[in-house]
N, C-alpha and C. Protein backbone atom coordinates (compact mmCIF):
# COMPACT_ATOMS: atom_id res chain seq x y z
N UNK A 1 -8.95 -0.49 -42.83
CA UNK A 1 -7.55 -0.15 -43.67
C UNK A 1 -7.12 -1.32 -44.59
N UNK A 2 -6.92 -1.03 -45.63
CA UNK A 2 -6.58 -2.28 -46.60
C UNK A 2 -5.30 -1.91 -47.54
N UNK A 3 -5.00 -2.98 -48.35
CA UNK A 3 -3.89 -2.73 -49.22
C UNK A 3 -2.65 -3.49 -48.77
N UNK A 4 -1.88 -4.10 -49.66
CA UNK A 4 -0.81 -5.00 -49.41
C UNK A 4 0.31 -4.22 -48.59
N UNK A 5 0.38 -2.95 -49.14
CA UNK A 5 1.73 -2.16 -48.73
C UNK A 5 1.39 -1.78 -47.26
N UNK A 6 0.13 -1.51 -47.06
CA UNK A 6 -0.25 -1.12 -45.68
C UNK A 6 0.12 -2.27 -44.60
N UNK A 7 -0.33 -3.41 -44.99
CA UNK A 7 -0.21 -4.58 -44.14
C UNK A 7 1.21 -4.82 -44.08
N UNK A 8 1.97 -4.63 -44.96
CA UNK A 8 3.52 -4.94 -44.91
C UNK A 8 4.09 -4.06 -43.86
N UNK A 9 3.63 -2.69 -43.85
CA UNK A 9 4.21 -1.73 -42.96
C UNK A 9 3.86 -2.12 -41.59
N UNK A 10 2.59 -2.38 -41.18
CA UNK A 10 2.14 -2.74 -39.94
C UNK A 10 2.80 -4.04 -39.43
N UNK A 11 3.09 -5.01 -40.30
CA UNK A 11 3.75 -6.35 -39.97
C UNK A 11 5.13 -5.93 -39.70
N UNK A 12 5.87 -4.99 -40.23
CA UNK A 12 7.19 -4.39 -40.08
C UNK A 12 7.31 -3.81 -38.55
N UNK A 13 6.35 -2.97 -38.22
CA UNK A 13 6.36 -2.40 -36.80
C UNK A 13 6.14 -3.62 -35.72
N UNK A 14 5.19 -4.55 -36.09
CA UNK A 14 4.93 -5.69 -35.11
C UNK A 14 6.20 -6.42 -35.03
N UNK A 15 7.07 -6.65 -36.11
CA UNK A 15 8.10 -7.39 -36.08
C UNK A 15 9.36 -6.64 -35.20
N UNK A 16 9.36 -5.38 -35.44
CA UNK A 16 10.31 -4.61 -34.54
C UNK A 16 10.05 -4.68 -33.09
N UNK A 17 8.80 -4.54 -32.87
CA UNK A 17 8.28 -4.81 -31.31
C UNK A 17 8.44 -6.06 -30.76
N UNK A 18 8.24 -7.29 -31.63
CA UNK A 18 8.72 -8.56 -31.05
C UNK A 18 10.09 -8.76 -30.81
N UNK A 19 10.89 -8.34 -31.75
CA UNK A 19 12.36 -8.40 -31.47
C UNK A 19 12.76 -7.65 -30.15
N UNK A 20 12.26 -6.53 -30.05
CA UNK A 20 12.58 -5.83 -28.79
C UNK A 20 12.08 -6.41 -27.63
N UNK A 21 10.88 -6.94 -27.67
CA UNK A 21 10.31 -7.50 -26.44
C UNK A 21 10.85 -8.72 -25.94
N UNK A 22 11.57 -9.47 -26.81
CA UNK A 22 12.33 -10.72 -26.28
C UNK A 22 13.56 -10.69 -26.05
N UNK A 23 14.23 -9.47 -26.19
CA UNK A 23 15.70 -9.16 -25.94
C UNK A 23 16.00 -8.28 -24.59
N UNK A 24 17.01 -8.69 -24.11
CA UNK A 24 17.29 -7.80 -22.66
C UNK A 24 18.12 -6.54 -23.39
N UNK A 25 18.71 -6.57 -24.39
CA UNK A 25 19.49 -5.46 -24.97
C UNK A 25 18.63 -4.66 -26.18
N UNK A 26 18.83 -3.44 -26.17
CA UNK A 26 18.20 -2.74 -27.50
C UNK A 26 18.58 -3.52 -28.68
N UNK A 27 17.51 -3.71 -29.52
CA UNK A 27 17.72 -4.14 -31.05
C UNK A 27 18.04 -3.08 -31.91
N UNK A 28 18.79 -3.34 -33.03
CA UNK A 28 19.17 -2.53 -34.02
C UNK A 28 17.87 -1.94 -34.53
N UNK A 29 17.94 -0.68 -34.83
CA UNK A 29 16.49 -0.06 -35.20
C UNK A 29 16.90 1.15 -35.94
N UNK A 30 16.25 1.48 -37.17
CA UNK A 30 16.41 2.66 -37.87
C UNK A 30 15.34 3.69 -37.61
N UNK A 31 15.60 4.80 -36.84
CA UNK A 31 14.68 5.58 -36.52
C UNK A 31 13.97 6.27 -37.74
N UNK A 32 14.74 6.57 -38.89
CA UNK A 32 14.10 7.05 -40.05
C UNK A 32 13.20 5.98 -40.67
N UNK A 33 13.45 4.78 -40.70
CA UNK A 33 12.46 3.91 -41.04
C UNK A 33 11.19 3.84 -40.40
N UNK A 34 11.32 4.03 -38.99
CA UNK A 34 10.15 3.88 -38.02
C UNK A 34 9.29 5.21 -38.50
N UNK A 35 9.86 6.46 -38.52
CA UNK A 35 9.12 7.63 -38.78
C UNK A 35 8.45 7.49 -40.09
N UNK A 36 9.25 7.06 -41.26
CA UNK A 36 8.58 6.85 -42.62
C UNK A 36 7.42 5.99 -42.54
N UNK A 37 7.46 4.77 -41.84
CA UNK A 37 6.27 3.86 -41.66
C UNK A 37 5.22 4.59 -41.05
N UNK A 38 5.45 5.34 -39.89
CA UNK A 38 4.42 5.88 -39.31
C UNK A 38 3.70 7.08 -40.11
N UNK A 39 4.55 7.85 -40.74
CA UNK A 39 3.95 9.00 -41.66
C UNK A 39 3.16 8.34 -42.77
N UNK A 40 3.59 7.30 -43.22
CA UNK A 40 2.94 6.51 -44.59
C UNK A 40 1.69 6.00 -44.04
N UNK A 41 1.62 5.51 -42.83
CA UNK A 41 0.45 4.93 -42.35
C UNK A 41 -0.62 6.02 -41.88
N UNK A 42 -0.06 7.02 -41.43
CA UNK A 42 -0.92 8.23 -41.11
C UNK A 42 -1.64 8.92 -42.38
N UNK A 43 -0.70 9.03 -43.32
CA UNK A 43 -1.32 9.53 -44.66
C UNK A 43 -2.42 8.54 -45.27
N UNK A 44 -2.14 7.19 -45.32
CA UNK A 44 -3.10 6.16 -45.70
C UNK A 44 -4.23 6.06 -44.85
N UNK A 45 -4.15 6.27 -43.62
CA UNK A 45 -5.33 6.44 -42.80
C UNK A 45 -6.22 7.54 -42.87
N UNK A 46 -5.65 8.57 -43.21
CA UNK A 46 -6.31 9.93 -43.50
C UNK A 46 -7.33 9.64 -44.82
N UNK A 47 -6.53 8.99 -45.76
CA UNK A 47 -7.28 8.77 -47.17
C UNK A 47 -8.38 7.68 -46.98
N UNK A 48 -8.04 6.79 -46.26
CA UNK A 48 -9.05 5.57 -45.97
C UNK A 48 -10.25 6.24 -45.23
N UNK A 49 -9.90 6.96 -44.16
CA UNK A 49 -10.99 7.51 -43.30
C UNK A 49 -12.10 8.25 -44.05
N UNK A 50 -11.50 9.04 -45.12
CA UNK A 50 -12.54 9.76 -45.88
C UNK A 50 -13.27 8.93 -46.79
N UNK A 51 -12.90 7.72 -47.06
CA UNK A 51 -13.50 6.78 -47.91
C UNK A 51 -14.38 5.85 -47.36
N UNK A 52 -14.30 5.81 -45.83
CA UNK A 52 -15.15 4.84 -45.13
C UNK A 52 -16.53 5.25 -45.27
N UNK A 53 -17.25 4.12 -45.46
CA UNK A 53 -18.81 4.39 -45.83
C UNK A 53 -19.76 3.98 -44.64
N UNK A 54 -19.17 3.24 -43.62
CA UNK A 54 -20.19 2.98 -42.45
C UNK A 54 -19.48 3.33 -41.16
N UNK A 55 -20.15 3.46 -40.20
CA UNK A 55 -19.65 3.79 -38.90
C UNK A 55 -18.97 2.50 -38.36
N UNK A 56 -19.46 1.33 -38.63
CA UNK A 56 -18.56 0.23 -38.21
C UNK A 56 -17.12 0.19 -38.78
N UNK A 57 -16.98 0.40 -40.03
CA UNK A 57 -15.65 0.40 -40.77
C UNK A 57 -14.93 1.59 -40.25
N UNK A 58 -15.44 2.77 -39.86
CA UNK A 58 -14.79 3.70 -39.10
C UNK A 58 -14.23 3.49 -37.73
N UNK A 59 -14.96 2.63 -37.09
CA UNK A 59 -14.56 2.01 -35.72
C UNK A 59 -13.53 1.02 -35.87
N UNK A 60 -13.63 0.25 -37.00
CA UNK A 60 -12.47 -0.72 -37.05
C UNK A 60 -11.26 -0.06 -37.47
N UNK A 61 -11.28 0.89 -38.33
CA UNK A 61 -10.13 1.73 -38.68
C UNK A 61 -9.52 2.34 -37.48
N UNK A 62 -10.34 3.05 -36.63
CA UNK A 62 -9.84 3.75 -35.46
C UNK A 62 -9.26 2.78 -34.56
N UNK A 63 -9.71 1.47 -34.41
CA UNK A 63 -9.24 0.41 -33.64
C UNK A 63 -7.87 0.07 -34.06
N UNK A 64 -7.64 -0.05 -35.43
CA UNK A 64 -6.43 -0.42 -36.11
C UNK A 64 -5.31 0.62 -35.85
N UNK A 65 -5.74 1.86 -35.91
CA UNK A 65 -4.75 2.92 -35.63
C UNK A 65 -4.33 2.97 -34.25
N UNK A 66 -5.32 2.71 -33.29
CA UNK A 66 -4.86 2.88 -31.72
C UNK A 66 -3.95 1.55 -31.59
N UNK A 67 -4.24 0.39 -32.17
CA UNK A 67 -3.29 -0.57 -32.06
C UNK A 67 -1.99 -0.51 -32.35
N UNK A 68 -1.90 0.20 -33.51
CA UNK A 68 -0.48 0.63 -34.06
C UNK A 68 0.21 1.62 -33.15
N UNK A 69 -0.54 2.40 -32.65
CA UNK A 69 -0.05 3.44 -31.80
C UNK A 69 0.55 2.88 -30.51
N UNK A 70 -0.30 1.94 -29.94
CA UNK A 70 0.11 1.28 -28.82
C UNK A 70 1.29 0.51 -28.88
N UNK A 71 1.31 -0.24 -30.20
CA UNK A 71 2.63 -1.06 -30.49
C UNK A 71 3.88 -0.14 -30.52
N UNK A 72 3.82 0.93 -31.28
CA UNK A 72 4.92 1.97 -31.33
C UNK A 72 5.34 2.28 -29.91
N UNK A 73 4.30 2.88 -29.21
CA UNK A 73 4.63 3.46 -27.84
C UNK A 73 5.35 2.43 -26.93
N UNK A 74 4.83 1.07 -27.08
CA UNK A 74 5.41 0.01 -26.18
C UNK A 74 6.92 -0.24 -26.71
N UNK A 75 7.07 -0.19 -27.90
CA UNK A 75 8.31 -0.61 -28.70
C UNK A 75 9.38 0.46 -27.85
N UNK A 76 9.01 1.83 -28.18
CA UNK A 76 9.87 2.99 -27.61
C UNK A 76 9.97 2.73 -25.92
N UNK A 77 9.03 2.25 -25.26
CA UNK A 77 9.13 2.13 -23.81
C UNK A 77 9.96 1.05 -23.37
N UNK A 78 10.07 0.00 -24.24
CA UNK A 78 10.86 -1.09 -23.95
C UNK A 78 12.36 -0.76 -24.21
N UNK A 79 12.55 0.07 -25.09
CA UNK A 79 13.96 0.55 -25.45
C UNK A 79 14.38 1.51 -24.15
N UNK A 80 13.40 2.47 -23.90
CA UNK A 80 13.72 3.42 -22.71
C UNK A 80 14.13 2.69 -21.54
N UNK A 81 13.45 1.57 -21.15
CA UNK A 81 13.75 0.80 -20.02
C UNK A 81 15.03 0.28 -20.03
N UNK A 82 15.43 -0.32 -21.11
CA UNK A 82 16.85 -0.96 -21.36
C UNK A 82 17.83 0.13 -21.25
N UNK A 83 17.56 1.37 -21.67
CA UNK A 83 18.59 2.52 -21.38
C UNK A 83 18.64 3.11 -20.01
N UNK A 84 17.38 3.03 -19.28
CA UNK A 84 17.50 3.27 -17.72
C UNK A 84 18.36 2.42 -17.06
N UNK A 85 18.12 1.07 -17.39
CA UNK A 85 18.94 0.18 -16.61
C UNK A 85 20.39 0.25 -16.91
N UNK A 86 20.72 0.36 -18.21
CA UNK A 86 22.12 0.78 -18.67
C UNK A 86 22.77 1.86 -18.08
N UNK A 87 21.82 2.97 -17.88
CA UNK A 87 22.34 4.00 -17.01
C UNK A 87 22.71 3.89 -15.57
N UNK A 88 21.96 3.10 -14.94
CA UNK A 88 22.05 2.62 -13.57
C UNK A 88 23.48 1.97 -13.42
N UNK A 89 23.76 0.95 -14.28
CA UNK A 89 24.99 0.24 -14.18
C UNK A 89 26.17 0.98 -14.96
N UNK A 90 25.96 1.90 -15.59
CA UNK A 90 27.12 2.72 -16.13
C UNK A 90 27.77 2.24 -17.23
N UNK A 91 26.76 1.47 -18.17
CA UNK A 91 27.40 0.82 -19.40
C UNK A 91 26.49 1.03 -20.48
N UNK A 92 26.86 2.05 -21.44
CA UNK A 92 26.13 2.43 -22.42
C UNK A 92 25.62 1.13 -23.44
N UNK A 93 24.44 0.98 -23.66
CA UNK A 93 24.08 -0.23 -24.58
C UNK A 93 24.51 0.09 -26.10
N UNK A 94 24.67 -0.92 -26.84
CA UNK A 94 24.85 -0.86 -28.13
C UNK A 94 23.39 -0.63 -28.99
N UNK A 95 23.51 -0.36 -30.20
CA UNK A 95 22.13 -0.29 -30.99
C UNK A 95 21.14 0.68 -30.65
N UNK A 96 21.69 1.81 -30.16
CA UNK A 96 20.74 2.78 -29.65
C UNK A 96 20.99 4.01 -30.60
N UNK A 97 19.91 4.81 -30.79
CA UNK A 97 19.94 6.03 -31.58
C UNK A 97 20.82 7.07 -31.11
N UNK A 98 20.91 8.15 -31.89
CA UNK A 98 21.62 9.25 -31.24
C UNK A 98 20.85 10.04 -30.18
N UNK A 99 19.44 9.97 -30.37
CA UNK A 99 18.68 10.62 -29.40
C UNK A 99 18.58 9.82 -28.08
N UNK A 100 18.61 8.49 -28.12
CA UNK A 100 18.70 7.65 -27.13
C UNK A 100 19.93 7.72 -26.32
N UNK A 101 21.04 7.85 -27.08
CA UNK A 101 22.30 7.98 -26.32
C UNK A 101 22.34 9.29 -25.50
N UNK A 102 21.68 10.38 -26.06
CA UNK A 102 21.51 11.73 -25.39
C UNK A 102 20.84 11.50 -23.89
N UNK A 103 19.80 10.55 -24.14
CA UNK A 103 19.12 10.32 -22.91
C UNK A 103 19.87 9.55 -22.01
N UNK A 104 20.68 8.52 -22.40
CA UNK A 104 21.43 7.79 -21.58
C UNK A 104 22.51 8.73 -20.89
N UNK A 105 23.22 9.76 -21.55
CA UNK A 105 24.00 10.46 -20.98
C UNK A 105 23.42 11.40 -19.92
N UNK A 106 22.14 11.89 -20.23
CA UNK A 106 21.45 12.72 -19.09
C UNK A 106 21.08 12.01 -17.91
N UNK A 107 20.65 10.67 -18.07
CA UNK A 107 20.44 9.86 -17.02
C UNK A 107 21.59 9.55 -16.17
N UNK A 108 22.81 9.35 -16.70
CA UNK A 108 24.05 8.99 -16.21
C UNK A 108 24.48 10.31 -15.27
N UNK A 109 24.28 11.48 -15.78
CA UNK A 109 24.62 12.62 -15.16
C UNK A 109 23.74 12.79 -13.75
N UNK A 110 22.37 12.56 -13.95
CA UNK A 110 21.49 12.60 -12.76
C UNK A 110 21.97 11.65 -11.88
N UNK A 111 22.17 10.25 -12.27
CA UNK A 111 22.52 9.24 -11.32
C UNK A 111 23.92 9.42 -10.60
N UNK A 112 24.76 10.03 -11.36
CA UNK A 112 26.18 10.30 -10.70
C UNK A 112 25.93 11.61 -9.64
N UNK A 113 25.25 12.43 -9.99
CA UNK A 113 24.83 13.52 -8.94
C UNK A 113 24.16 12.99 -7.81
N UNK A 114 23.18 12.18 -7.95
CA UNK A 114 22.42 11.59 -6.83
C UNK A 114 23.42 10.76 -6.01
N UNK A 115 24.33 10.13 -6.72
CA UNK A 115 25.18 9.06 -6.00
C UNK A 115 26.08 9.91 -4.97
N UNK A 116 26.58 11.10 -5.75
CA UNK A 116 27.51 11.98 -4.85
C UNK A 116 26.69 12.57 -3.80
N UNK A 117 25.59 13.08 -3.97
CA UNK A 117 24.61 13.61 -2.87
C UNK A 117 24.40 12.76 -1.86
N UNK A 118 24.11 11.41 -2.23
CA UNK A 118 23.61 10.37 -1.15
C UNK A 118 24.93 10.05 -0.46
N UNK A 119 26.01 9.93 -0.94
CA UNK A 119 27.18 9.69 -0.19
C UNK A 119 27.57 10.66 0.71
N UNK A 120 27.45 12.00 0.16
CA UNK A 120 27.66 13.20 1.06
C UNK A 120 26.69 13.35 2.24
N UNK A 121 25.35 12.85 2.12
CA UNK A 121 24.37 12.90 3.03
C UNK A 121 24.65 11.84 4.05
N UNK A 122 25.29 10.58 3.63
CA UNK A 122 25.66 9.55 4.68
C UNK A 122 26.96 9.98 5.44
N UNK A 123 27.89 10.75 4.82
CA UNK A 123 28.86 11.22 5.62
C UNK A 123 28.54 12.22 6.50
N UNK A 124 27.71 13.08 6.17
CA UNK A 124 27.28 14.14 7.11
C UNK A 124 26.50 13.39 8.25
N UNK A 125 25.52 12.54 8.07
CA UNK A 125 24.72 11.83 8.99
C UNK A 125 25.86 11.07 10.02
N UNK A 126 26.86 10.35 9.43
CA UNK A 126 27.82 9.57 10.30
C UNK A 126 28.55 10.66 11.22
N UNK A 127 28.93 11.79 10.44
CA UNK A 127 29.55 12.88 11.37
C UNK A 127 28.68 13.40 12.47
N UNK A 128 27.32 13.59 12.18
CA UNK A 128 26.44 13.99 13.22
C UNK A 128 26.18 12.96 14.17
N UNK A 129 26.00 11.64 13.81
CA UNK A 129 25.93 10.58 14.78
C UNK A 129 27.16 10.59 15.79
N UNK A 130 28.46 10.60 15.23
CA UNK A 130 29.55 10.80 15.99
C UNK A 130 29.64 11.73 17.02
N UNK A 131 29.17 12.96 16.38
CA UNK A 131 29.14 14.26 17.25
C UNK A 131 28.18 13.99 18.57
N UNK A 132 26.80 13.38 18.13
CA UNK A 132 25.90 13.15 19.23
C UNK A 132 26.50 12.20 20.32
N UNK A 133 27.14 11.18 19.81
CA UNK A 133 27.67 10.18 20.66
C UNK A 133 28.66 10.77 21.55
N UNK A 134 29.63 11.60 20.96
CA UNK A 134 30.69 12.24 21.73
C UNK A 134 30.03 13.01 22.84
N UNK A 135 28.83 13.76 22.54
CA UNK A 135 28.27 14.67 23.36
C UNK A 135 27.68 13.73 24.48
N UNK A 136 27.06 12.74 24.23
CA UNK A 136 26.46 11.88 25.16
C UNK A 136 27.51 11.42 26.38
N UNK A 137 28.70 11.06 25.54
CA UNK A 137 29.80 10.50 26.45
C UNK A 137 30.22 11.66 27.44
N UNK A 138 30.44 12.91 26.80
CA UNK A 138 30.87 14.04 27.55
C UNK A 138 29.90 14.35 28.52
N UNK A 139 28.65 14.26 28.31
CA UNK A 139 27.52 14.57 29.23
C UNK A 139 27.75 13.51 30.67
N UNK A 140 27.89 12.34 30.14
CA UNK A 140 27.98 11.26 31.15
C UNK A 140 29.18 11.59 32.01
N UNK A 141 30.38 11.85 31.32
CA UNK A 141 31.62 12.17 32.09
C UNK A 141 31.52 13.28 32.84
N UNK A 142 30.94 14.32 32.39
CA UNK A 142 30.91 15.61 33.12
C UNK A 142 29.85 15.42 34.51
N UNK A 143 29.11 14.42 34.53
CA UNK A 143 28.19 14.12 35.59
C UNK A 143 28.87 13.39 36.62
N UNK A 144 30.05 12.82 36.44
CA UNK A 144 30.83 12.03 37.34
C UNK A 144 31.69 12.92 37.96
N UNK A 145 31.92 12.46 39.30
CA UNK A 145 32.79 13.03 40.31
C UNK A 145 33.76 12.18 40.80
N UNK A 146 34.84 12.60 41.36
CA UNK A 146 35.98 11.80 41.81
C UNK A 146 35.66 11.44 43.35
N UNK A 147 35.92 10.15 43.84
CA UNK A 147 35.59 9.77 45.24
C UNK A 147 36.91 8.98 45.56
N UNK A 148 37.06 9.11 46.92
CA UNK A 148 38.20 8.23 47.71
C UNK A 148 37.66 7.20 48.51
N UNK A 149 38.07 6.01 48.39
CA UNK A 149 37.57 4.82 49.12
C UNK A 149 38.36 4.88 50.56
N UNK A 150 37.42 4.92 51.65
CA UNK A 150 38.06 4.68 52.99
C UNK A 150 38.23 3.45 53.32
N UNK A 151 37.63 2.37 52.66
CA UNK A 151 37.73 0.98 52.95
C UNK A 151 37.35 0.16 51.76
N UNK A 152 37.77 -1.05 51.62
CA UNK A 152 37.29 -2.09 50.62
C UNK A 152 35.98 -2.05 50.43
N UNK A 153 35.41 -2.09 49.15
CA UNK A 153 34.07 -2.20 49.11
C UNK A 153 33.59 -3.41 47.86
N UNK A 154 32.66 -3.99 47.95
CA UNK A 154 32.21 -4.99 47.17
C UNK A 154 32.01 -4.52 45.67
N UNK A 155 32.18 -5.64 44.62
CA UNK A 155 31.81 -5.25 43.38
C UNK A 155 30.37 -4.75 43.13
N UNK A 156 30.20 -3.79 42.25
CA UNK A 156 29.06 -3.18 41.97
C UNK A 156 28.85 -2.55 40.50
N UNK A 157 27.58 -2.46 40.15
CA UNK A 157 27.36 -1.77 38.75
C UNK A 157 26.67 -0.44 38.99
N UNK A 158 27.23 0.55 38.41
CA UNK A 158 26.49 1.90 38.53
C UNK A 158 25.35 2.02 37.84
N UNK A 159 24.66 3.09 38.02
CA UNK A 159 23.42 3.36 37.10
C UNK A 159 23.71 3.47 35.81
N UNK A 160 24.86 3.98 35.29
CA UNK A 160 25.10 4.04 33.87
C UNK A 160 25.70 2.77 33.15
N UNK A 161 25.66 1.59 34.03
CA UNK A 161 25.99 0.38 33.45
C UNK A 161 27.47 0.02 33.72
N UNK A 162 28.25 0.90 34.21
CA UNK A 162 29.81 0.75 34.42
C UNK A 162 30.08 -0.33 35.51
N UNK A 163 30.86 -1.17 35.35
CA UNK A 163 31.15 -2.36 36.43
C UNK A 163 32.44 -1.92 37.06
N UNK A 164 32.28 -1.82 38.58
CA UNK A 164 33.46 -1.54 39.36
C UNK A 164 33.70 -2.81 40.15
N UNK A 165 35.05 -3.09 39.98
CA UNK A 165 35.58 -4.46 40.64
C UNK A 165 36.80 -4.17 41.41
N UNK A 166 36.97 -4.89 42.45
CA UNK A 166 38.32 -5.06 43.15
C UNK A 166 38.70 -3.67 43.74
N UNK A 167 37.70 -2.89 44.33
CA UNK A 167 37.91 -1.72 44.86
C UNK A 167 38.49 -1.74 46.21
N UNK A 168 39.69 -1.33 46.49
CA UNK A 168 40.33 -1.39 47.71
C UNK A 168 40.51 -0.01 48.34
N UNK A 169 40.77 0.03 49.59
CA UNK A 169 41.05 1.15 50.41
C UNK A 169 41.91 2.15 49.71
N UNK A 170 41.73 3.39 49.50
CA UNK A 170 42.67 4.21 48.96
C UNK A 170 42.72 4.48 47.40
N UNK A 171 41.73 3.75 46.76
CA UNK A 171 41.38 3.92 45.33
C UNK A 171 40.64 5.12 45.07
N UNK A 172 40.92 5.70 43.94
CA UNK A 172 40.13 6.78 43.47
C UNK A 172 39.36 6.37 42.44
N UNK A 173 37.96 6.60 42.49
CA UNK A 173 37.03 6.19 41.37
C UNK A 173 36.27 7.48 40.78
N UNK A 174 35.80 7.42 39.59
CA UNK A 174 35.02 8.53 38.88
C UNK A 174 33.74 7.69 38.87
N UNK A 175 32.72 8.44 39.28
CA UNK A 175 31.50 7.82 39.37
C UNK A 175 30.21 9.09 39.61
N UNK A 176 29.00 8.84 39.03
CA UNK A 176 28.09 9.80 39.16
C UNK A 176 27.48 9.84 40.43
N UNK A 177 26.84 11.09 40.83
CA UNK A 177 26.44 11.15 42.32
C UNK A 177 25.16 10.27 42.43
N UNK A 178 24.43 10.07 41.41
CA UNK A 178 23.16 9.26 41.51
C UNK A 178 23.48 7.79 41.98
N UNK A 179 24.61 7.27 41.22
CA UNK A 179 25.07 6.04 41.61
C UNK A 179 25.55 6.01 43.14
N UNK A 180 26.22 6.91 43.53
CA UNK A 180 26.54 6.82 44.93
C UNK A 180 25.42 6.89 46.01
N UNK A 181 24.22 7.55 45.56
CA UNK A 181 23.32 7.50 46.51
C UNK A 181 22.47 6.24 46.67
N UNK A 182 22.66 5.39 45.71
CA UNK A 182 22.09 4.04 45.69
C UNK A 182 23.03 2.94 46.03
N UNK A 183 24.20 3.32 46.44
CA UNK A 183 25.24 2.36 46.89
C UNK A 183 25.05 1.89 48.25
N UNK A 184 25.15 0.55 48.60
CA UNK A 184 25.06 0.14 49.98
C UNK A 184 26.31 0.77 50.88
N UNK A 185 27.45 0.59 50.27
CA UNK A 185 28.71 1.04 51.05
C UNK A 185 28.96 2.40 51.00
N UNK A 186 28.01 3.35 50.83
CA UNK A 186 28.31 4.79 50.61
C UNK A 186 29.14 5.49 51.62
N UNK A 187 28.88 4.73 52.91
CA UNK A 187 29.68 5.67 53.92
C UNK A 187 31.16 5.29 53.95
N UNK A 188 31.53 4.36 53.03
CA UNK A 188 32.93 3.99 52.82
C UNK A 188 33.57 5.03 51.77
N UNK A 189 32.81 5.68 51.11
CA UNK A 189 33.30 6.70 49.90
C UNK A 189 33.15 8.10 50.23
N UNK A 190 34.13 8.93 50.05
CA UNK A 190 34.15 10.36 50.29
C UNK A 190 34.49 11.14 49.01
N UNK A 191 33.80 12.27 48.88
CA UNK A 191 34.18 13.00 47.62
C UNK A 191 35.39 13.57 47.66
N UNK A 192 36.15 13.49 46.67
CA UNK A 192 37.42 14.13 46.59
C UNK A 192 37.36 15.45 45.98
N UNK A 193 37.67 16.31 46.87
CA UNK A 193 37.91 17.72 46.56
C UNK A 193 39.23 18.07 46.06
N UNK A 194 39.24 18.56 44.85
CA UNK A 194 40.61 18.95 44.04
C UNK A 194 40.72 20.36 44.06
N UNK A 195 41.71 20.96 44.73
CA UNK A 195 41.83 22.39 44.93
C UNK A 195 42.70 22.70 43.66
N UNK A 196 42.16 23.97 43.04
CA UNK A 196 43.05 24.44 41.76
C UNK A 196 44.36 24.82 42.31
N UNK A 197 45.38 24.61 41.43
CA UNK A 197 46.74 25.09 41.86
C UNK A 197 46.87 26.56 41.68
N UNK A 198 47.64 27.19 42.61
CA UNK A 198 47.87 28.54 42.41
C UNK A 198 49.24 28.88 41.96
């Protein structure tokens, strides 16, 4: 590929790419200018391709075209990455094209929807965790029975980890049957039978 004008157009694409690659924000770009440059280069490439006389020159031309294509793709990808980041933080960047702004808006909608969904899932999980905890407590409570102490007994820890201290004769305690079986002073404890009122 030869010609001063072609070189100028290629250098312009490289300049746009360089500006984009060193900045954290999208750089001002005219999409129409980029499209015109690419269309011009494509036309010139077709003409030059027909005029190429050797296989080597054809390969060189193909390599140049591939390089230009890669630079343009990377330029657009750099801009897209900046738009993705802006969408995540919820701040639209300056210097973006109309099409890029539409992309930003769509990404914001997806992110906002996902955020609401994630928050709802966390709320549901918390509710389920609390419900499970409540059920465990209820199961533990329901396995306990009331006992009356016939005498003072020493402090002890039940099988469910509850500490019983200062237990005197006449006290009523709520404790699981399994804990009573393993208690040294179990003969000093009697199950309390509560008759339903009539």
